[in-house]
Protein backbone atom coordinates (compact mmCIF):
# COMPACT_ATOMS: atom_id res chain seq x y z
CA MET A 1 29.16 -20.83 -25.90
CA PRO A 2 29.37 -17.71 -28.08
CA THR A 3 32.25 -15.23 -28.70
CA PRO A 4 32.44 -12.40 -26.58
CA ILE A 5 31.27 -10.05 -28.89
CA GLU A 6 28.29 -12.06 -29.67
CA THR A 7 27.66 -12.53 -26.16
CA ALA A 8 27.73 -8.50 -25.70
CA ARG A 9 25.52 -8.66 -28.88
CA LEU A 10 22.86 -11.47 -27.58
CA ASN A 11 22.62 -9.20 -23.90
CA SER A 12 22.16 -6.36 -25.48
CA LEU A 13 19.20 -7.83 -27.95
CA ALA A 14 17.21 -9.80 -25.10
CA ALA A 15 17.04 -6.75 -22.70
CA LYS A 16 16.08 -4.49 -25.29
CA LEU A 17 13.90 -6.74 -26.51
CA LEU A 18 12.44 -7.64 -22.36
CA VAL A 19 11.96 -3.80 -22.03
CA GLN A 20 10.09 -3.78 -25.07
CA SER A 21 8.06 -6.49 -23.98
CA CYS A 22 6.92 -4.84 -20.51
CA ILE A 23 6.15 -1.86 -22.11
CA GLU A 24 3.61 -3.36 -24.59
CA ASN A 25 2.40 -4.72 -21.75
CA GLY A 26 1.88 -1.81 -19.48
CA VAL A 27 4.66 -1.69 -17.71
CA ASP A 28 6.46 1.11 -18.77
CA ARG A 29 8.18 2.85 -15.43
CA PHE A 30 11.10 1.61 -14.20
CA PHE A 31 12.44 1.98 -11.01
CA VAL A 32 16.50 1.24 -11.52
CA ALA A 33 19.34 0.56 -8.73
CA PRO A 34 22.61 1.08 -10.37
CA GLY A 35 24.61 -1.94 -10.97
CA SER A 36 27.33 -3.50 -13.49
CA ARG A 37 25.35 -6.79 -13.70
CA CYS A 38 22.05 -5.24 -14.67
CA THR A 39 24.22 -3.04 -17.24
CA PRO A 40 22.26 -4.69 -20.21
CA LEU A 41 18.88 -3.97 -18.57
CA THR A 42 19.18 0.08 -17.58
CA LEU A 43 20.74 0.87 -21.16
CA ALA A 44 17.65 -0.44 -22.87
CA VAL A 45 15.96 1.56 -20.42
CA ALA A 46 17.73 4.30 -20.74
CA GLU A 47 17.20 4.25 -24.57
CA HIS A 48 13.62 3.51 -24.60
CA PRO A 49 12.02 6.20 -25.93
CA GLU A 50 8.63 5.42 -23.60
CA ALA A 51 10.49 4.45 -20.95
CA LYS A 52 9.83 6.68 -17.69
CA VAL A 53 12.48 5.72 -14.62
CA VAL A 54 12.91 6.25 -11.15
CA ARG A 55 16.34 5.91 -9.76
CA HIS A 56 18.08 5.62 -6.64
CA PHE A 57 21.12 4.28 -4.73
CA ASP A 58 18.86 2.04 -2.30
CA GLU A 59 17.70 -0.89 -3.52
CA ARG A 60 15.16 -1.68 0.03
CA GLY A 61 14.05 2.33 -0.42
CA LEU A 62 13.87 1.86 -4.30
CA ALA A 63 11.70 -1.89 -3.79
CA PHE A 64 9.81 -0.32 -2.10
CA ALA A 65 9.12 2.97 -4.20
CA CYS A 66 8.17 0.28 -6.92
CA LEU A 67 5.22 -0.85 -4.39
CA GLY A 68 3.52 2.33 -3.44
CA PHE A 69 3.52 2.73 -7.54
CA GLY A 70 1.69 -0.62 -7.87
CA ARG A 71 -0.18 0.67 -4.82
CA LEU A 72 -1.53 3.87 -6.47
CA ARG A 73 -2.34 2.31 -8.96
CA LYS A 74 -4.05 -0.85 -8.10
CA LYS A 75 -5.98 2.00 -5.52
CA LEU A 76 -7.05 3.69 -9.07
CA ALA A 77 -7.75 0.84 -11.51
CA PRO A 78 -11.04 1.13 -13.00
CA ALA A 79 -13.84 -0.91 -12.36
CA ASN A 80 -13.53 -4.58 -14.15
CA SER A 81 -9.45 -4.11 -14.41
CA PHE A 82 -6.26 -4.53 -13.44
CA ALA A 83 -3.21 -2.37 -12.55
CA ARG A 84 -0.34 -1.77 -14.34
CA PRO A 85 2.88 -2.67 -12.40
CA ALA A 86 6.15 -1.30 -12.36
CA ALA A 87 9.72 -3.11 -12.82
CA PHE A 88 12.34 -3.06 -10.76
CA ILE A 89 15.94 -3.25 -11.85
CA CYS A 90 19.02 -3.85 -9.73
CA THR A 91 22.08 -6.10 -10.10
CA SER A 92 23.25 -9.17 -8.36
CA GLY A 93 23.83 -10.21 -5.21
CA THR A 94 22.23 -8.52 -2.02
CA ALA A 95 20.95 -5.83 -3.91
CA VAL A 96 18.47 -8.50 -4.68
CA ALA A 97 18.30 -9.66 -1.26
CA ASN A 98 17.10 -5.77 0.01
CA ALA A 99 14.12 -6.32 -2.77
CA TYR A 100 12.66 -8.71 0.00
CA PRO A 101 10.90 -6.87 2.50
CA ALA A 102 9.08 -5.39 -0.13
CA LEU A 103 8.27 -7.69 -1.89
CA ILE A 104 6.97 -10.04 1.32
CA GLU A 105 4.97 -6.76 1.47
CA ALA A 106 3.72 -6.98 -1.92
CA ALA A 107 2.32 -10.32 -1.55
CA MET A 108 0.56 -10.47 1.35
CA ASP A 109 -1.35 -7.67 -0.09
CA HIS A 110 -1.47 -8.66 -3.67
CA VAL A 111 0.14 -5.60 -4.93
CA PRO A 112 1.21 -5.15 -8.75
CA MET A 113 4.87 -5.24 -9.12
CA LEU A 114 7.62 -7.40 -11.44
CA LEU A 115 11.21 -7.67 -10.12
CA LEU A 116 13.44 -7.72 -12.82
CA THR A 117 17.02 -9.34 -11.18
CA ALA A 118 20.05 -9.78 -12.78
CA ASP A 119 22.32 -12.66 -12.08
CA ARG A 120 25.64 -13.99 -12.58
CA PRO A 121 25.93 -16.87 -15.14
CA PRO A 122 25.76 -20.17 -13.52
CA GLU A 123 29.87 -21.37 -13.59
CA LEU A 124 30.38 -18.77 -11.19
CA LEU A 125 28.03 -20.32 -8.66
CA GLY A 126 29.43 -21.94 -5.55
CA ILE A 127 33.15 -21.92 -6.35
CA GLY A 128 33.94 -18.57 -4.50
CA ALA A 129 33.25 -15.73 -7.24
CA ASN A 130 33.07 -12.18 -5.98
CA GLN A 131 29.33 -10.98 -5.63
CA ALA A 132 27.89 -14.36 -6.62
CA ILE A 133 25.21 -15.89 -5.02
CA PHE A 134 22.92 -18.78 -5.39
CA GLN A 135 19.80 -16.36 -6.44
CA ASN A 136 17.72 -19.21 -8.10
CA ASP A 137 13.75 -19.19 -6.37
CA ILE A 138 15.48 -16.37 -3.93
CA PHE A 139 12.02 -15.54 -2.48
CA GLY A 140 10.52 -18.79 -2.15
CA GLN A 141 6.75 -19.03 -1.67
CA TYR A 142 6.32 -15.19 -2.00
CA PRO A 143 5.97 -14.24 -6.15
CA CYS A 144 2.99 -15.45 -7.58
CA PHE A 145 5.26 -16.03 -10.59
CA TYR A 146 9.20 -16.73 -10.77
CA GLN A 147 10.99 -17.67 -13.93
CA ASN A 148 14.55 -18.42 -13.54
CA VAL A 149 16.02 -16.78 -17.34
CA ASP A 150 19.26 -18.46 -18.34
CA CYS A 151 22.27 -16.45 -20.48
CA PRO A 152 21.29 -15.80 -23.84
CA GLU A 153 23.10 -17.86 -26.04
CA SER A 154 21.12 -17.98 -29.26
CA GLU A 155 18.73 -15.31 -30.73
CA SER A 156 15.83 -18.38 -30.46
CA ASP A 157 16.78 -17.53 -26.27
CA VAL A 158 16.14 -13.97 -27.04
CA ASN A 159 12.99 -14.67 -29.25
CA SER A 160 11.53 -16.65 -26.01
CA LEU A 161 11.52 -13.36 -23.98
CA PRO A 162 8.32 -11.68 -24.81
CA GLY A 163 6.47 -14.77 -23.87
CA ILE A 164 8.26 -15.12 -20.78
CA VAL A 165 7.73 -11.82 -19.78
CA THR A 166 3.50 -11.57 -20.96
CA ASN A 167 3.26 -14.24 -18.58
CA ALA A 168 4.77 -12.28 -16.18
CA CYS A 169 2.82 -9.56 -16.32
CA VAL A 170 -0.65 -11.49 -16.44
CA ALA A 171 0.60 -13.29 -13.31
CA ALA A 172 1.70 -9.89 -11.56
CA GLU A 173 -1.98 -9.11 -11.10
CA HIS A 174 -2.13 -10.77 -7.91
CA GLY A 175 1.48 -9.96 -6.99
CA PRO A 176 4.93 -9.61 -7.28
CA ALA A 177 6.34 -11.47 -10.65
CA HIS A 178 10.06 -12.12 -10.38
CA LEU A 179 12.57 -12.70 -13.42
CA ASN A 180 15.80 -13.75 -12.37
CA LEU A 181 18.07 -12.60 -15.28
CA GLN A 182 21.43 -14.62 -15.93
CA PHE A 183 23.99 -11.99 -17.80
CA ARG A 184 27.45 -13.22 -19.34
CA GLU A 185 30.09 -10.65 -19.78
CA PRO A 186 31.13 -8.89 -22.05
CA PHE A 187 28.11 -5.79 -21.24
CA GLY A 188 28.50 -4.24 -24.61
CA ALA A 189 26.35 -2.22 -26.84
CA ALA A 190 24.64 -3.37 -30.05
CA GLU A 191 22.05 -3.33 -32.85
CA PRO A 192 18.91 -1.86 -31.89
CA VAL A 193 15.59 -4.17 -32.03
CA GLY A 194 12.51 -3.56 -33.61
CA PRO A 195 8.92 -3.61 -31.88
CA SER A 196 8.15 -7.31 -31.09
CA VAL A 197 4.58 -8.44 -32.40
CA GLY A 198 1.84 -10.24 -31.37
CA LEU A 199 1.78 -9.05 -27.38
CA ARG A 200 -1.62 -8.58 -26.36
CA SER A 201 -2.25 -5.67 -23.64
CA TRP A 202 -3.60 -8.09 -21.20
CA PHE A 203 -4.77 -5.02 -18.99
CA GLU A 204 -7.27 -4.21 -20.97
CA THR A 205 -8.04 -7.94 -21.55
CA ARG A 206 -7.42 -10.19 -18.61
CA LYS A 207 -10.29 -10.33 -16.12
CA CYS A 208 -11.51 -12.50 -13.07
CA SER A 209 -14.03 -15.24 -13.36
CA GLU A 210 -17.67 -14.29 -13.57
CA PRO A 211 -18.98 -13.83 -10.18
CA PRO A 212 -21.95 -16.26 -8.76
CA HIS A 213 -25.22 -14.68 -9.24
CA ARG A 214 -26.53 -14.22 -5.94
CA THR A 215 -28.94 -13.10 -3.79
CA ALA A 216 -27.90 -10.94 -0.39
CA PRO A 217 -28.64 -13.36 2.53
CA ASP A 218 -31.73 -13.09 4.43
CA GLY A 219 -31.29 -11.11 7.90
CA ASN A 220 -29.11 -8.50 9.27
CA THR A 221 -26.89 -7.49 7.19
CA ILE A 222 -22.94 -5.90 7.32
CA VAL A 223 -21.08 -5.00 4.20
CA MET A 224 -17.49 -4.27 5.72
CA VAL A 225 -15.17 -2.81 3.09
CA GLY A 226 -11.32 -3.36 3.72
CA ASP A 227 -8.93 -1.95 1.04
CA CYS A 228 -9.76 -2.01 -2.41
CA SER A 229 -9.54 0.51 -5.35
CA LEU A 230 -12.01 3.77 -5.21
CA ALA A 231 -14.53 1.89 -7.85
CA ASP A 232 -14.89 -1.18 -5.74
CA CYS A 233 -15.74 1.11 -2.82
CA GLN A 234 -17.98 2.94 -4.63
CA ALA A 235 -19.63 -0.11 -5.86
CA ALA A 236 -19.83 -1.66 -2.49
CA ARG A 237 -21.26 1.38 -1.53
CA SER A 238 -23.96 1.08 -3.74
CA MET A 239 -24.85 -2.48 -3.03
CA ALA A 240 -24.82 -2.04 0.64
CA GLN A 241 -27.59 0.65 -0.07
CA ARG A 242 -29.60 -1.48 -2.40
CA ILE A 243 -29.94 -4.56 -0.18
CA SER A 244 -30.23 -2.15 3.06
CA ALA A 245 -26.73 -3.16 4.64
CA VAL A 246 -25.17 -1.41 7.64
CA LEU A 247 -21.97 0.01 5.90
CA LEU A 248 -18.62 -0.40 7.59
CA CYS A 249 -15.49 1.08 5.41
CA ASP A 250 -11.48 0.61 6.66
CA ILE A 251 -9.75 3.77 6.03
CA THR A 252 -7.94 1.81 3.01
CA ALA A 253 -10.88 1.41 1.25
CA GLY A 254 -11.13 5.31 0.81
CA ALA A 255 -14.63 6.08 2.25
CA ARG A 256 -15.12 7.81 5.84
CA PRO A 257 -19.33 7.25 6.37
CA ALA A 258 -18.54 6.73 10.35
CA SER A 259 -15.99 5.33 12.88
CA HIS A 260 -17.09 1.32 13.31
CA ASP A 261 -14.10 1.55 15.51
CA LEU A 262 -15.37 4.86 17.92
CA ALA A 263 -18.69 2.52 17.84
CA LEU A 264 -17.18 -0.75 19.18
CA MET A 265 -15.10 1.58 21.23
CA SER A 266 -18.14 3.30 23.13
CA ASN A 267 -20.08 -0.21 22.98
CA PRO A 268 -18.49 -3.92 22.22
CA ASN A 269 -21.87 -5.38 22.48
CA LEU A 270 -23.62 -3.56 19.86
CA ALA A 271 -26.38 -6.19 18.04
CA ALA A 272 -24.11 -8.92 15.85
CA PRO A 273 -25.96 -9.30 12.17
CA GLU A 274 -26.60 -12.55 10.97
CA ASN A 275 -24.84 -12.21 7.88
CA VAL A 276 -21.49 -10.07 7.66
CA ILE A 277 -20.31 -9.46 3.38
CA HIS A 278 -16.94 -8.51 3.49
CA VAL A 279 -15.02 -7.04 0.03
CA GLY A 280 -11.66 -6.25 -0.69
CA GLY A 281 -8.71 -6.54 2.15
CA ARG A 282 -7.86 -6.15 5.45
CA PHE A 283 -8.86 -4.08 8.47
CA VAL A 284 -7.10 -1.98 10.55
CA SER A 285 -9.26 -2.31 13.38
CA LYS A 286 -8.59 -4.92 16.37
CA ARG A 287 -12.00 -3.56 17.42
CA TRP A 288 -14.02 -5.23 14.78
CA LEU A 289 -11.69 -8.39 14.83
CA GLN A 290 -12.47 -8.67 18.58
CA PHE A 291 -16.21 -8.38 17.73
CA LEU A 292 -16.56 -10.98 15.20
CA SER A 293 -15.09 -13.42 17.02
CA ASN A 294 -17.04 -12.53 19.96
CA ASN A 295 -20.03 -13.21 17.85
CA LYS A 296 -19.13 -16.78 15.30
CA SER A 297 -22.21 -18.34 17.10
CA GLN A 298 -24.37 -15.63 15.92
CA ILE A 299 -23.16 -14.81 12.19
CA LYS A 300 -24.88 -17.26 10.09
CA ASN A 301 -22.84 -15.86 6.76
CA TYR A 302 -19.85 -14.20 6.47
CA TRP A 303 -18.71 -13.72 2.71
CA HIS A 304 -15.70 -12.59 1.66
CA VAL A 305 -15.64 -11.39 -1.75
CA TRP A 306 -12.17 -10.18 -3.54
CA PRO A 307 -10.02 -11.72 -6.86
CA HIS A 308 -7.50 -13.76 -5.16
CA GLU A 309 -7.30 -17.01 -4.33
CA ASP A 310 -5.85 -17.03 -0.88
CA LYS A 311 -7.72 -17.08 2.21
CA LEU A 312 -8.45 -13.95 4.66
CA ASP A 313 -9.86 -15.00 7.54
CA PRO A 314 -8.55 -13.82 10.54
CA ALA A 315 -11.47 -14.15 13.33
CA SER A 316 -12.03 -17.82 11.44
CA CYS A 317 -15.55 -16.28 10.94
CA VAL A 318 -15.55 -17.17 6.68
CA THR A 319 -18.31 -19.19 5.55
CA ASP A 320 -18.22 -18.53 1.80
CA SER A 321 -14.84 -17.58 -0.02
CA ILE A 322 -15.80 -16.02 -3.43
CA ILE A 323 -12.82 -15.38 -5.73
CA ALA A 324 -14.73 -12.90 -8.13
CA ASP A 325 -14.31 -9.49 -9.20
CA ILE A 326 -15.39 -6.93 -6.37
CA SER A 327 -17.27 -4.43 -7.93
CA GLU A 328 -19.43 -7.18 -10.83
CA PHE A 329 -20.16 -9.13 -7.29
CA CYS A 330 -21.77 -6.17 -6.02
CA ASP A 331 -23.52 -4.85 -9.00
CA SER A 332 -24.85 -8.13 -9.40
CA LEU A 333 -25.82 -9.35 -6.09
CA CYS A 334 -29.57 -9.67 -5.86
CA VAL A 335 -31.80 -8.11 -3.39
CA PRO A 336 -33.02 -10.78 -0.39
CA ALA A 337 -36.69 -11.40 0.51
CA THR A 338 -36.13 -10.39 4.13
CA ALA A 339 -33.79 -7.07 4.53
CA THR A 340 -32.00 -5.56 7.11
CA GLN A 341 -34.41 -4.54 9.98
CA GLU A 342 -34.43 -1.09 10.86
CA SER A 343 -34.14 -1.17 14.40
CA PHE A 344 -30.59 -2.83 13.63
CA ARG A 345 -29.55 -0.17 11.10
CA THR A 346 -30.80 2.43 13.69
CA GLN A 347 -28.32 0.82 16.88
CA TRP A 348 -25.64 0.75 14.31
CA LEU A 349 -26.16 4.70 12.67
CA SER A 350 -26.96 5.51 15.94
CA ALA A 351 -23.65 4.53 17.79
CA MET A 352 -21.64 5.86 15.32
CA SER A 353 -23.08 8.77 15.43
CA GLN A 354 -22.83 9.49 19.13
CA ALA A 355 -19.27 8.20 19.34
CA SER A 356 -17.67 10.71 16.54
CA GLU A 357 -19.65 13.52 18.14
CA ALA A 358 -18.30 12.76 21.40
CA ALA A 359 -14.73 12.47 20.33
CA THR A 360 -14.56 15.41 18.41
CA SER A 361 -16.11 17.47 21.59
CA ALA A 362 -13.19 15.59 23.18
CA LEU A 363 -11.10 16.95 20.64
CA LEU A 364 -12.21 20.11 20.38
CA GLY A 365 -10.92 20.72 23.97
CA GLU A 366 -7.62 20.14 23.45
CA CYS A 367 -5.29 23.09 22.40
CA ASP A 368 -2.09 21.58 22.42
CA LEU A 369 -0.54 19.34 19.62
CA ASN A 370 -1.60 16.02 19.94
CA GLU A 371 -1.96 13.07 17.26
CA PRO A 372 -5.42 12.43 17.28
CA MET A 373 -6.20 15.98 16.14
CA ILE A 374 -3.20 15.62 14.05
CA SER A 375 -4.85 13.13 11.73
CA ARG A 376 -8.21 14.79 11.89
CA ILE A 377 -6.83 18.20 10.50
CA ILE A 378 -4.93 16.31 7.71
CA ALA A 379 -8.36 14.83 6.83
CA GLU A 380 -10.26 17.63 6.63
CA ASN A 381 -8.21 19.31 4.66
CA LEU A 382 -7.85 16.08 1.86
CA HIS A 383 -10.26 16.05 -1.42
CA GLY A 384 -11.20 14.26 -3.98
CA LYS A 385 -7.85 14.30 -5.84
CA SER A 386 -5.62 14.34 -2.63
CA GLY A 387 -3.65 10.99 -2.45
CA LEU A 388 -3.05 9.89 1.72
CA PHE A 389 -0.28 7.27 2.29
CA LEU A 390 -0.34 6.18 6.30
CA GLY A 391 2.32 4.71 7.89
CA ASN A 392 1.72 1.59 10.54
CA SER A 393 1.72 2.04 14.24
CA MET A 394 -0.05 4.86 15.62
CA PRO A 395 -0.91 6.92 12.15
CA ILE A 396 -3.18 4.13 10.60
CA ARG A 397 -4.66 3.46 14.04
CA ASP A 398 -5.48 7.31 14.21
CA MET A 399 -6.72 7.74 11.37
CA ASP A 400 -9.11 4.79 11.35
CA LEU A 401 -10.56 6.32 14.44
CA PHE A 402 -10.71 9.92 14.12
CA ALA A 403 -10.34 10.87 9.89
CA VAL A 404 -13.61 12.16 9.09
CA TRP A 405 -13.43 13.45 5.14
CA LYS A 406 -15.04 16.92 4.62
CA ALA A 407 -14.67 16.09 0.32
CA ALA A 408 -17.83 14.55 -0.82
CA THR A 409 -16.06 12.17 -2.76
CA ASP A 410 -13.67 9.25 -1.62
CA ILE A 411 -9.76 9.52 -1.20
CA ALA A 412 -6.67 7.13 -2.53
CA VAL A 413 -5.89 5.93 0.96
CA MET A 414 -2.75 3.46 0.77
CA ALA A 415 -1.01 1.53 4.10
CA ASN A 416 1.74 -1.18 3.88
CA ARG A 417 -0.32 -3.90 5.44
CA GLY A 418 0.36 -6.89 3.94
CA ALA A 419 3.15 -7.76 6.49
CA SER A 420 2.43 -4.07 8.41
CA GLY A 421 5.89 -3.49 9.08
CA ILE A 422 7.70 0.13 9.65
CA ASP A 423 10.13 -0.15 6.96
CA GLY A 424 10.24 1.16 3.38
CA LEU A 425 7.36 3.84 4.23
CA ILE A 426 9.19 6.22 2.65
CA ALA A 427 10.09 4.83 -0.18
CA ALA A 428 7.00 3.44 -0.49
CA ALA A 429 4.86 6.80 -0.27
CA ILE A 430 7.15 8.35 -3.08
CA GLY A 431 6.55 5.09 -5.11
CA ALA A 432 2.65 6.09 -4.71
CA ALA A 433 3.50 9.86 -5.95
CA HIS A 434 5.11 9.09 -9.08
CA GLY A 435 2.35 6.60 -10.16
CA GLN A 436 -0.29 8.98 -10.05
CA PRO A 437 -1.47 8.84 -14.06
CA ASP A 438 -0.21 11.62 -16.60
CA SER A 439 -3.77 11.97 -17.86
CA HIS A 440 -4.78 12.68 -13.93
CA GLU A 441 -4.11 16.53 -12.98
CA ARG A 442 -3.71 16.79 -9.41
CA SER A 443 -4.77 19.25 -7.28
CA ALA A 444 -2.53 18.92 -4.32
CA PRO A 445 0.52 16.88 -3.69
CA LEU A 446 0.49 13.21 -1.65
CA THR A 447 0.32 12.87 1.56
CA LEU A 448 2.99 10.35 3.72
CA VAL A 449 1.60 10.38 8.12
CA VAL A 450 4.49 8.61 9.35
CA GLY A 451 6.02 8.04 12.37
CA ASP A 452 9.51 8.79 14.14
CA LEU A 453 10.64 5.85 14.10
CA SER A 454 9.66 4.41 10.67
CA ALA A 455 11.40 7.73 9.19
CA LEU A 456 14.65 6.50 10.34
CA HIS A 457 14.07 3.18 9.14
CA ASP A 458 13.80 4.66 5.58
CA LEU A 459 15.70 7.91 6.15
CA ASN A 460 18.27 7.64 2.87
CA SER A 461 14.81 7.08 0.64
CA LEU A 462 14.23 10.95 1.21
CA ALA A 463 17.07 11.79 -1.62
CA MET A 464 14.08 10.14 -4.27
CA LEU A 465 12.77 13.81 -3.85
CA ALA A 466 15.43 15.47 -5.48
CA ASP A 467 14.76 13.98 -8.63
CA PRO A 468 13.51 16.85 -11.13
CA ALA A 469 11.00 14.51 -12.31
CA MET A 470 9.43 13.72 -8.83
CA PRO A 471 5.55 14.85 -8.19
CA PRO A 472 5.40 16.77 -4.95
CA MET A 473 4.66 15.52 -1.61
CA VAL A 474 4.02 16.30 1.83
CA ILE A 475 5.37 14.23 4.87
CA VAL A 476 4.16 14.50 8.16
CA ILE A 477 6.41 12.93 10.70
CA ILE A 478 4.80 12.48 14.14
CA ASN A 479 8.11 12.64 16.36
CA ASN A 480 7.01 11.46 19.63
CA ASP A 481 10.15 10.32 20.86
CA GLY A 482 10.34 6.83 20.00
CA GLY A 483 7.41 3.74 20.02
CA GLY A 484 4.44 5.10 20.40
CA ILE A 485 2.29 2.18 20.37
CA PHE A 486 4.05 0.44 23.02
CA HIS A 487 2.25 2.38 25.31
CA PHE A 488 -1.32 0.89 24.57
CA LEU A 489 0.02 -2.52 25.70
CA PRO A 490 0.17 -3.98 29.37
CA ILE A 491 3.65 -4.41 28.85
CA ALA A 492 4.03 -0.50 29.40
CA GLU A 493 2.57 -1.12 32.91
CA GLN A 494 4.65 -4.44 33.95
CA THR A 495 8.53 -3.53 33.49
CA ASP A 496 10.39 -0.50 34.90
CA LYS A 497 12.66 -1.15 31.60
CA PHE A 498 9.69 -0.18 29.42
CA GLU A 499 11.38 3.29 28.41
CA GLN A 500 14.87 1.44 27.47
CA PHE A 501 13.76 -1.44 25.94
CA PHE A 502 10.35 -0.35 24.50
CA GLY A 503 10.36 3.44 24.49
CA THR A 504 13.32 3.73 22.58
CA PRO A 505 13.85 7.16 22.83
CA HIS A 506 16.57 8.68 20.45
CA GLY A 507 16.18 12.42 21.04
CA LEU A 508 16.18 13.03 17.19
CA SER A 509 15.02 15.81 15.16
CA PHE A 510 14.34 15.56 11.61
CA SER A 511 15.45 19.14 10.73
CA HIS A 512 19.35 18.36 9.74
CA ALA A 513 17.88 15.35 7.71
CA ALA A 514 15.80 18.42 5.74
CA LYS A 515 18.59 20.00 5.00
CA MET A 516 20.37 17.39 3.83
CA PHE A 517 18.40 16.27 1.26
CA GLY A 518 17.08 20.14 0.57
CA ILE A 519 13.89 19.50 1.82
CA ALA A 520 11.51 22.38 2.94
CA TYR A 521 10.92 22.05 6.93
CA GLN A 522 8.81 23.26 9.57
CA SER A 523 8.00 22.24 12.40
CA PRO A 524 4.69 24.03 14.21
CA LEU A 525 4.22 24.20 17.93
CA THR A 526 0.69 24.54 17.95
CA LEU A 527 -2.43 22.53 16.27
CA ALA A 528 -3.20 26.49 14.35
CA GLU A 529 0.28 26.57 13.39
CA PHE A 530 0.53 22.81 12.63
CA GLU A 531 -2.88 23.53 10.04
CA THR A 532 -1.48 26.92 8.73
CA ALA A 533 1.49 25.09 7.74
CA TYR A 534 -0.30 22.14 6.63
CA ARG A 535 -2.49 23.80 4.32
CA THR A 536 0.34 25.75 2.96
CA ALA A 537 1.69 22.60 1.81
CA LEU A 538 -0.68 21.74 0.01
CA ASP A 539 -0.33 24.59 -1.97
CA GLN A 540 3.52 24.10 -2.71
CA SER A 541 5.06 22.31 -6.15
CA THR A 542 7.84 21.46 -3.84
CA SER A 543 7.99 18.55 -1.22
CA GLN A 544 8.02 19.53 2.42
CA ILE A 545 8.40 17.65 5.36
CA ILE A 546 6.17 18.96 8.93
CA GLU A 547 8.06 17.37 12.03
CA VAL A 548 5.19 17.66 15.02
CA ARG A 549 6.75 17.08 18.06
CA THR A 550 4.41 14.90 20.47
CA ASN A 551 4.26 13.29 24.26
CA ARG A 552 4.06 9.61 24.14
CA SER A 553 2.25 9.47 28.03
CA ASP A 554 0.22 12.70 26.79
CA ASN A 555 -0.67 10.90 24.07
CA ILE A 556 -1.90 7.50 26.11
CA THR A 557 -3.58 9.58 28.31
CA LEU A 558 -5.47 11.72 25.72
CA HIS A 559 -6.60 8.08 24.09
CA ARG A 560 -7.99 7.56 27.23
CA GLU A 561 -9.99 10.40 28.28
CA ILE A 562 -11.38 10.40 24.38
CA GLU A 563 -12.51 6.19 25.11
CA ARG A 564 -14.48 7.64 28.41
CA ALA A 565 -15.87 10.71 26.78
CA VAL A 566 -17.20 8.40 23.85
CA ARG A 567 -18.52 5.76 26.43
CA ASP A 568 -20.45 8.02 28.55
CA ARG A 569 -22.21 10.05 25.98
CA VAL A 570 -23.18 6.48 24.78
CA ILE A 571 -24.62 5.50 28.06
CA SER A 572 -26.03 8.47 28.45
């Protein structure tokens, strides 16, 4: 075992070479939490001139911020390329465990993320040493790459790190990669280390396997675009137009041709396609899922296309899982001999158009603050350089139902739909704001739309907004004093205990939180005041919180009125 002086030198050399290797692999953003065991890593990041740092005292929130960075980079990645992850750094012990929710989300939704967790040496494990837990393989099956890196005991150990880092970065194209790094005390400074050589920039050279050169299947076809990059979404739109298919886009795809969810609300018995080409990730609409389940016997071909090996088939409809780069697949797909019938296209397009018009008419008749109109107003004020992060539960569902872009271009829309939790959403959106490329001139702050319970879960992440390097954000908190989504479930009418155990009213306002963290705050009382407040916030260079107070019971009533209006319009 090396002497204490030699241990300190090797710790520093290892950490500096590791950080240098990250940067040479395109990972130059580090989300760093304070701690003792990660001292060599923290100092290496702090001293590197190309490292960009986001600091936060809460590892859980910081991990979600690192996740959010990866989400935006994935969304903005050019066609035929992979996004750069950010690196999360924390100390040993339960600090590591706090990253688990964000890592699960990243794994479930293939978000690039690199975790560098410090660990104690093996001789301190299992003997009752303070803060020493068994971190080896702590995240189980969720990382797409894992390696435990022993304490550096020689320069040979140090020199093996660039290859390990490169392997982790290559693996991170499909989700979180985890390096568990053991360090012995002392954590002293040491001589600087020069740049490593021979490391390839895997972001520019690594690609998925070439897609099969296929011809689109004959017959009526629907192209469903799930969560994907804006470049992939554009390729899918072009493909749908080329093969004369009906195009449906999930809200996370970034395109808004029309709401298929409203169309299925108006008529769940729309004509079933013979073929579905599903590109990208998950979709929000439960009605679309039910439609697929009800029409399995009529759907002859269901192709799911994305560059990952795991299965995405919640309706058990997939006939072909095609592992391919989405843009390459879409660009290479050949026109079928028998195209989609015009009558099929007309029925779907007409249903979406009429349903949208009916919903708009119903909403325009509402003057009071309400959640569907909040979604509509936000959507109408976004443009091509806007970014939108959506909370789970009602915000993403309302946006999927009611959002209509006025912008001619697609919008970078993000959401934590891998595991669809309500924790870490403020942090993830903050990370997404940091993820905007330096060369990209944003003309509007990123907008986060989140419910009150989600905001309460992640309140301390607001502290990150005080960072001088923090890009501006607009946080719209829809405060309906509890769990609004539960009113849409049968339990709402089946028990007199609903409000106590499901509605969970809290009676809190976010004005004091805004004041505590030094964030500008507005609380509009009318739709007109909200639109003015939101437009004003988009023009500010500092972050803003807009709290919108709504009523849960009124919200479910309005949704039912809209559903009736949509159905009546289409039936008539």
